[in-house]
Amino acid sequence: MTETAVQNAELAGLKAHMADNPGAVIEDVARERKVTPRAVLEALPESMVRIGPGEFAAAMQDIAEWGEVTLIVHTDDAIFEFTGAIPNGEVGRGYFNLMQPKGLHGHLRHERCAAIAFVERPFMGKVSAFIAFINRDGGIMFKVFVGRDETRALRGDQLARFHALADRFAPQAG
């Protein structure tokens, strides 16, 4: 088998796996299959993911208007979760700076964002919707999940904002 044939077979296997297991933890699948998280996202059924350019600052400024969301940073060593409003930010001194003194704040290397994925899929028995900021290496910088209401359903107002942002940055193929 040629190297291309092997790669095509591996990609087909990954796509089949994600079709059968769309709620799998992205980072776990990437580690098990020795691919990038971006490759796993790209292997999801087309109806579940759209990927657009890394319009980091514009996406973050829009998300800052959504209200309470959950931001997750998943590394090999920990999964950090922050639930609350994402603060406004601005670009300065080479970073996208989250502009508040308490709660979620910090300095993000926005220029490393190569793409943004908009993902709607089942996860742990419920529909989930999140935005994954993908870095130049194919890793996920962090994810921002659409919030849930008191019945644990996705918040309709945020889901509308999520769809509008996806339409803006990653229009569906016509």
C-alpha atoms as a PDB file:
ATOM      1  CA  MET A   1       0.000   0.000   0.000  1.00  0.00           C
ATOM      2  CA  THR A   2       1.241   3.457  -0.792  1.00  0.00           C
ATOM      3  CA  GLU A   3       1.509   6.087   1.921  1.00  0.00           C
ATOM      4  CA  THR A   4      -1.464   7.924   0.396  1.00  0.00           C
ATOM      5  CA  ALA A   5      -3.572   4.758   0.449  1.00  0.00           C
ATOM      6  CA  VAL A   6      -2.692   4.190   4.106  1.00  0.00           C
ATOM      7  CA  GLN A   7      -3.597   7.789   4.952  1.00  0.00           C
ATOM      8  CA  ASN A   8      -6.904   7.471   3.056  1.00  0.00           C
ATOM      9  CA  ALA A   9      -7.715   4.239   4.903  1.00  0.00           C
ATOM     10  CA  GLU A  10      -6.888   5.854   8.262  1.00  0.00           C
ATOM     11  CA  LEU A  11      -9.071   8.873   7.416  1.00  0.00           C
ATOM     12  CA  ALA A  12     -11.931   6.604   6.344  1.00  0.00           C
ATOM     13  CA  GLY A  13     -11.549   4.691   9.617  1.00  0.00           C
ATOM     14  CA  LEU A  14     -11.613   7.921  11.624  1.00  0.00           C
ATOM     15  CA  LYS A  15     -14.705   9.160   9.769  1.00  0.00           C
ATOM     16  CA  ALA A  16     -16.468   5.833  10.380  1.00  0.00           C
ATOM     17  CA  HIS A  17     -15.519   5.946  14.063  1.00  0.00           C
ATOM     18  CA  MET A  18     -16.850   9.490  14.472  1.00  0.00           C
ATOM     19  CA  ALA A  19     -20.049   8.637  12.586  1.00  0.00           C
ATOM     20  CA  ASP A  20     -20.612   5.777  15.042  1.00  0.00           C
ATOM     21  CA  ASN A  21     -19.412   7.780  18.078  1.00  0.00           C
ATOM     22  CA  PRO A  22     -20.164  11.468  17.430  1.00  0.00           C
ATOM     23  CA  GLY A  23     -20.174  12.208  21.162  1.00  0.00           C
ATOM     24  CA  ALA A  24     -16.669  10.878  21.750  1.00  0.00           C
ATOM     25  CA  VAL A  25     -14.268  13.183  23.580  1.00  0.00           C
ATOM     26  CA  ILE A  26     -12.351  14.884  20.766  1.00  0.00           C
ATOM     27  CA  GLU A  27      -9.016  14.973  22.580  1.00  0.00           C
ATOM     28  CA  ASP A  28      -9.255  11.292  23.596  1.00  0.00           C
ATOM     29  CA  VAL A  29      -9.929  10.186  20.022  1.00  0.00           C
ATOM     30  CA  ALA A  30      -7.027  12.332  18.795  1.00  0.00           C
ATOM     31  CA  ARG A  31      -4.650  10.781  21.312  1.00  0.00           C
ATOM     32  CA  GLU A  32      -5.851   7.205  20.640  1.00  0.00           C
ATOM     33  CA  ARG A  33      -5.655   7.565  16.861  1.00  0.00           C
ATOM     34  CA  LYS A  34      -2.479   9.687  16.858  1.00  0.00           C
ATOM     35  CA  VAL A  35      -4.066  12.549  14.930  1.00  0.00           C
ATOM     36  CA  THR A  36      -4.754  16.172  15.762  1.00  0.00           C
ATOM     37  CA  PRO A  37      -7.991  17.274  17.419  1.00  0.00           C
ATOM     38  CA  ARG A  38      -8.680  19.230  14.217  1.00  0.00           C
ATOM     39  CA  ALA A  39      -8.569  15.988  12.229  1.00  0.00           C
ATOM     40  CA  VAL A  40     -11.123  14.503  14.634  1.00  0.00           C
ATOM     41  CA  LEU A  41     -13.393  17.541  14.265  1.00  0.00           C
ATOM     42  CA  GLU A  42     -13.080  17.343  10.468  1.00  0.00           C
ATOM     43  CA  ALA A  43     -14.053  13.644  10.638  1.00  0.00           C
ATOM     44  CA  LEU A  44     -17.383  14.379  12.317  1.00  0.00           C
ATOM     45  CA  PRO A  45     -20.433  14.001  10.065  1.00  0.00           C
ATOM     46  CA  GLU A  46     -20.791  17.147   7.930  1.00  0.00           C
ATOM     47  CA  SER A  47     -24.129  17.960   9.534  1.00  0.00           C
ATOM     48  CA  MET A  48     -22.397  18.357  12.914  1.00  0.00           C
ATOM     49  CA  VAL A  49     -19.440  20.629  12.145  1.00  0.00           C
ATOM     50  CA  ARG A  50     -18.507  23.701  10.137  1.00  0.00           C
ATOM     51  CA  ILE A  51     -14.979  25.086  10.136  1.00  0.00           C
ATOM     52  CA  GLY A  52     -14.054  28.612   9.148  1.00  0.00           C
ATOM     53  CA  PRO A  53     -11.029  30.895   9.319  1.00  0.00           C
ATOM     54  CA  GLY A  54      -9.518  31.924  12.629  1.00  0.00           C
ATOM     55  CA  GLU A  55     -11.343  35.231  13.083  1.00  0.00           C
ATOM     56  CA  PHE A  56     -10.393  35.125  16.761  1.00  0.00           C
ATOM     57  CA  ALA A  57     -11.004  38.684  17.975  1.00  0.00           C
ATOM     58  CA  ALA A  58     -14.314  39.095  16.135  1.00  0.00           C
ATOM     59  CA  ALA A  59     -15.606  35.739  17.431  1.00  0.00           C
ATOM     60  CA  MET A  60     -14.549  36.486  21.015  1.00  0.00           C
ATOM     61  CA  GLN A  61     -16.137  39.941  20.922  1.00  0.00           C
ATOM     62  CA  ASP A  62     -19.412  38.395  19.779  1.00  0.00           C
ATOM     63  CA  ILE A  63     -19.264  35.659  22.455  1.00  0.00           C
ATOM     64  CA  ALA A  64     -18.697  38.346  25.118  1.00  0.00           C
ATOM     65  CA  GLU A  65     -22.293  39.457  24.448  1.00  0.00           C
ATOM     66  CA  TRP A  66     -23.861  36.007  24.992  1.00  0.00           C
ATOM     67  CA  GLY A  67     -24.041  35.932  28.777  1.00  0.00           C
ATOM     68  CA  GLU A  68     -23.188  32.830  30.789  1.00  0.00           C
ATOM     69  CA  VAL A  69     -21.385  30.132  28.813  1.00  0.00           C
ATOM     70  CA  THR A  70     -18.914  27.411  29.720  1.00  0.00           C
ATOM     71  CA  LEU A  71     -15.324  27.744  28.523  1.00  0.00           C
ATOM     72  CA  ILE A  72     -13.257  24.543  28.635  1.00  0.00           C
ATOM     73  CA  VAL A  73      -9.504  24.116  28.295  1.00  0.00           C
ATOM     74  CA  HIS A  74      -8.623  20.426  27.878  1.00  0.00           C
ATOM     75  CA  THR A  75      -4.957  19.469  28.204  1.00  0.00           C
ATOM     76  CA  ASP A  76      -3.256  16.115  28.725  1.00  0.00           C
ATOM     77  CA  ASP A  77      -3.106  16.916  32.433  1.00  0.00           C
ATOM     78  CA  ALA A  78      -6.368  18.663  33.279  1.00  0.00           C
ATOM     79  CA  ILE A  79      -9.743  19.844  32.099  1.00  0.00           C
ATOM     80  CA  PHE A  80     -10.443  23.394  33.257  1.00  0.00           C
ATOM     81  CA  GLU A  81     -14.017  24.661  33.111  1.00  0.00           C
ATOM     82  CA  PHE A  82     -15.187  28.223  33.635  1.00  0.00           C
ATOM     83  CA  THR A  83     -18.894  29.009  33.660  1.00  0.00           C
ATOM     84  CA  GLY A  84     -19.795  32.672  33.425  1.00  0.00           C
ATOM     85  CA  ALA A  85     -19.782  35.538  30.991  1.00  0.00           C
ATOM     86  CA  ILE A  86     -16.734  35.872  28.752  1.00  0.00           C
ATOM     87  CA  PRO A  87     -15.339  39.364  29.260  1.00  0.00           C
ATOM     88  CA  ASN A  88     -14.745  41.847  26.478  1.00  0.00           C
ATOM     89  CA  GLY A  89     -11.259  41.851  25.098  1.00  0.00           C
ATOM     90  CA  GLU A  90      -8.956  43.768  22.838  1.00  0.00           C
ATOM     91  CA  VAL A  91      -5.771  43.166  20.918  1.00  0.00           C
ATOM     92  CA  GLY A  92      -2.652  44.755  22.377  1.00  0.00           C
ATOM     93  CA  ARG A  93       1.032  43.898  22.733  1.00  0.00           C
ATOM     94  CA  GLY A  94       0.658  40.729  20.707  1.00  0.00           C
ATOM     95  CA  TYR A  95      -2.220  39.236  22.688  1.00  0.00           C
ATOM     96  CA  PHE A  96      -5.989  39.288  22.854  1.00  0.00           C
ATOM     97  CA  ASN A  97      -6.427  40.608  26.378  1.00  0.00           C
ATOM     98  CA  LEU A  98      -9.537  39.724  28.366  1.00  0.00           C
ATOM     99  CA  MET A  99     -10.373  42.987  30.065  1.00  0.00           C
ATOM    100  CA  GLN A 100     -11.540  42.342  33.611  1.00  0.00           C
ATOM    101  CA  PRO A 101      -9.622  42.144  36.883  1.00  0.00           C
ATOM    102  CA  LYS A 102     -11.430  39.115  38.384  1.00  0.00           C
ATOM    103  CA  GLY A 103     -13.132  35.982  37.147  1.00  0.00           C
ATOM    104  CA  LEU A 104     -11.947  34.921  33.723  1.00  0.00           C
ATOM    105  CA  HIS A 105      -9.107  37.142  32.577  1.00  0.00           C
ATOM    106  CA  GLY A 106      -5.804  36.698  30.805  1.00  0.00           C
ATOM    107  CA  HIS A 107      -3.870  37.112  27.618  1.00  0.00           C
ATOM    108  CA  LEU A 108      -4.552  34.864  24.636  1.00  0.00           C
ATOM    109  CA  ARG A 109      -2.215  34.274  21.714  1.00  0.00           C
ATOM    110  CA  HIS A 110      -4.867  35.089  19.131  1.00  0.00           C
ATOM    111  CA  GLU A 111      -2.465  34.975  16.200  1.00  0.00           C
ATOM    112  CA  ARG A 112      -2.037  31.225  16.729  1.00  0.00           C
ATOM    113  CA  CYS A 113      -5.721  30.676  15.960  1.00  0.00           C
ATOM    114  CA  ALA A 114      -5.857  29.109  12.491  1.00  0.00           C
ATOM    115  CA  ALA A 115      -9.538  28.137  12.395  1.00  0.00           C
ATOM    116  CA  ILE A 116     -12.773  28.133  14.321  1.00  0.00           C
ATOM    117  CA  ALA A 117     -15.040  25.078  14.394  1.00  0.00           C
ATOM    118  CA  PHE A 118     -18.758  25.274  15.106  1.00  0.00           C
ATOM    119  CA  VAL A 119     -19.899  21.907  16.442  1.00  0.00           C
ATOM    120  CA  GLU A 120     -23.401  20.661  17.224  1.00  0.00           C
ATOM    121  CA  ARG A 121     -23.525  17.033  18.266  1.00  0.00           C
ATOM    122  CA  PRO A 122     -24.867  14.667  20.879  1.00  0.00           C
ATOM    123  CA  PHE A 123     -22.802  14.420  24.048  1.00  0.00           C
ATOM    124  CA  MET A 124     -23.681  12.363  27.118  1.00  0.00           C
ATOM    125  CA  GLY A 125     -27.293  11.982  26.012  1.00  0.00           C
ATOM    126  CA  LYS A 126     -27.922  15.663  25.237  1.00  0.00           C
ATOM    127  CA  VAL A 127     -27.436  17.927  22.260  1.00  0.00           C
ATOM    128  CA  SER A 128     -24.411  20.186  22.721  1.00  0.00           C
ATOM    129  CA  ALA A 129     -23.136  23.151  20.758  1.00  0.00           C
ATOM    130  CA  PHE A 130     -19.660  24.598  21.059  1.00  0.00           C
ATOM    131  CA  ILE A 131     -17.093  26.701  19.302  1.00  0.00           C
ATOM    132  CA  ALA A 132     -13.573  25.278  19.171  1.00  0.00           C
ATOM    133  CA  PHE A 133     -10.703  27.663  18.567  1.00  0.00           C
ATOM    134  CA  ILE A 134      -8.112  25.635  16.647  1.00  0.00           C
ATOM    135  CA  ASN A 135      -4.439  26.543  16.699  1.00  0.00           C
ATOM    136  CA  ARG A 136      -1.874  26.337  13.886  1.00  0.00           C
ATOM    137  CA  ASP A 137      -0.790  22.888  15.082  1.00  0.00           C
ATOM    138  CA  GLY A 138      -4.293  21.425  14.833  1.00  0.00           C
ATOM    139  CA  GLY A 139      -4.823  21.522  18.586  1.00  0.00           C
ATOM    140  CA  ILE A 140      -7.810  23.038  20.333  1.00  0.00           C
ATOM    141  CA  MET A 141      -6.899  26.217  22.199  1.00  0.00           C
ATOM    142  CA  PHE A 142     -10.208  26.112  24.083  1.00  0.00           C
ATOM    143  CA  LYS A 143     -13.922  25.538  23.546  1.00  0.00           C
ATOM    144  CA  VAL A 144     -16.873  27.764  24.368  1.00  0.00           C
ATOM    145  CA  PHE A 145     -20.132  25.902  24.956  1.00  0.00           C
ATOM    146  CA  VAL A 146     -23.594  27.351  24.459  1.00  0.00           C
ATOM    147  CA  GLY A 147     -25.163  27.656  27.915  1.00  0.00           C
ATOM    148  CA  ARG A 148     -28.133  25.717  29.238  1.00  0.00           C
ATOM    149  CA  ASP A 149     -31.329  26.925  30.840  1.00  0.00           C
ATOM    150  CA  GLU A 150     -32.929  25.705  34.070  1.00  0.00           C
ATOM    151  CA  THR A 151     -34.302  22.616  32.250  1.00  0.00           C
ATOM    152  CA  ARG A 152     -30.777  21.794  30.950  1.00  0.00           C
ATOM    153  CA  ALA A 153     -31.837  22.631  27.372  1.00  0.00           C
ATOM    154  CA  LEU A 154     -29.529  24.761  25.223  1.00  0.00           C
ATOM    155  CA  ARG A 155     -30.346  28.443  25.644  1.00  0.00           C
ATOM    156  CA  GLY A 156     -32.281  29.499  22.556  1.00  0.00           C
ATOM    157  CA  ASP A 157     -30.858  33.021  22.472  1.00  0.00           C
ATOM    158  CA  GLN A 158     -27.291  31.736  22.574  1.00  0.00           C
ATOM    159  CA  LEU A 159     -27.982  28.998  20.041  1.00  0.00           C
ATOM    160  CA  ALA A 160     -29.274  31.693  17.656  1.00  0.00           C
ATOM    161  CA  ARG A 161     -26.064  33.693  18.231  1.00  0.00           C
ATOM    162  CA  PHE A 162     -24.005  30.512  17.705  1.00  0.00           C
ATOM    163  CA  HIS A 163     -25.758  29.857  14.369  1.00  0.00           C
ATOM    164  CA  ALA A 164     -25.360  33.483  13.270  1.00  0.00           C
ATOM    165  CA  LEU A 165     -21.638  33.381  14.059  1.00  0.00           C
ATOM    166  CA  ALA A 166     -21.276  30.059  12.218  1.00  0.00           C
ATOM    167  CA  ASP A 167     -23.093  31.518   9.207  1.00  0.00           C
ATOM    168  CA  ARG A 168     -20.763  34.514   9.297  1.00  0.00           C
ATOM    169  CA  PHE A 169     -17.470  32.606   9.537  1.00  0.00           C
ATOM    170  CA  ALA A 170     -18.265  29.159   8.136  1.00  0.00           C
ATOM    171  CA  PRO A 171     -21.247  29.342   5.771  1.00  0.00           C
ATOM    172  CA  GLN A 172     -22.822  26.012   4.887  1.00  0.00           C
ATOM    173  CA  ALA A 173     -21.988  24.728   1.451  1.00  0.00           C
ATOM    174  CA  GLY A 174     -24.921  25.397  -0.816  1.00  0.00           C
END
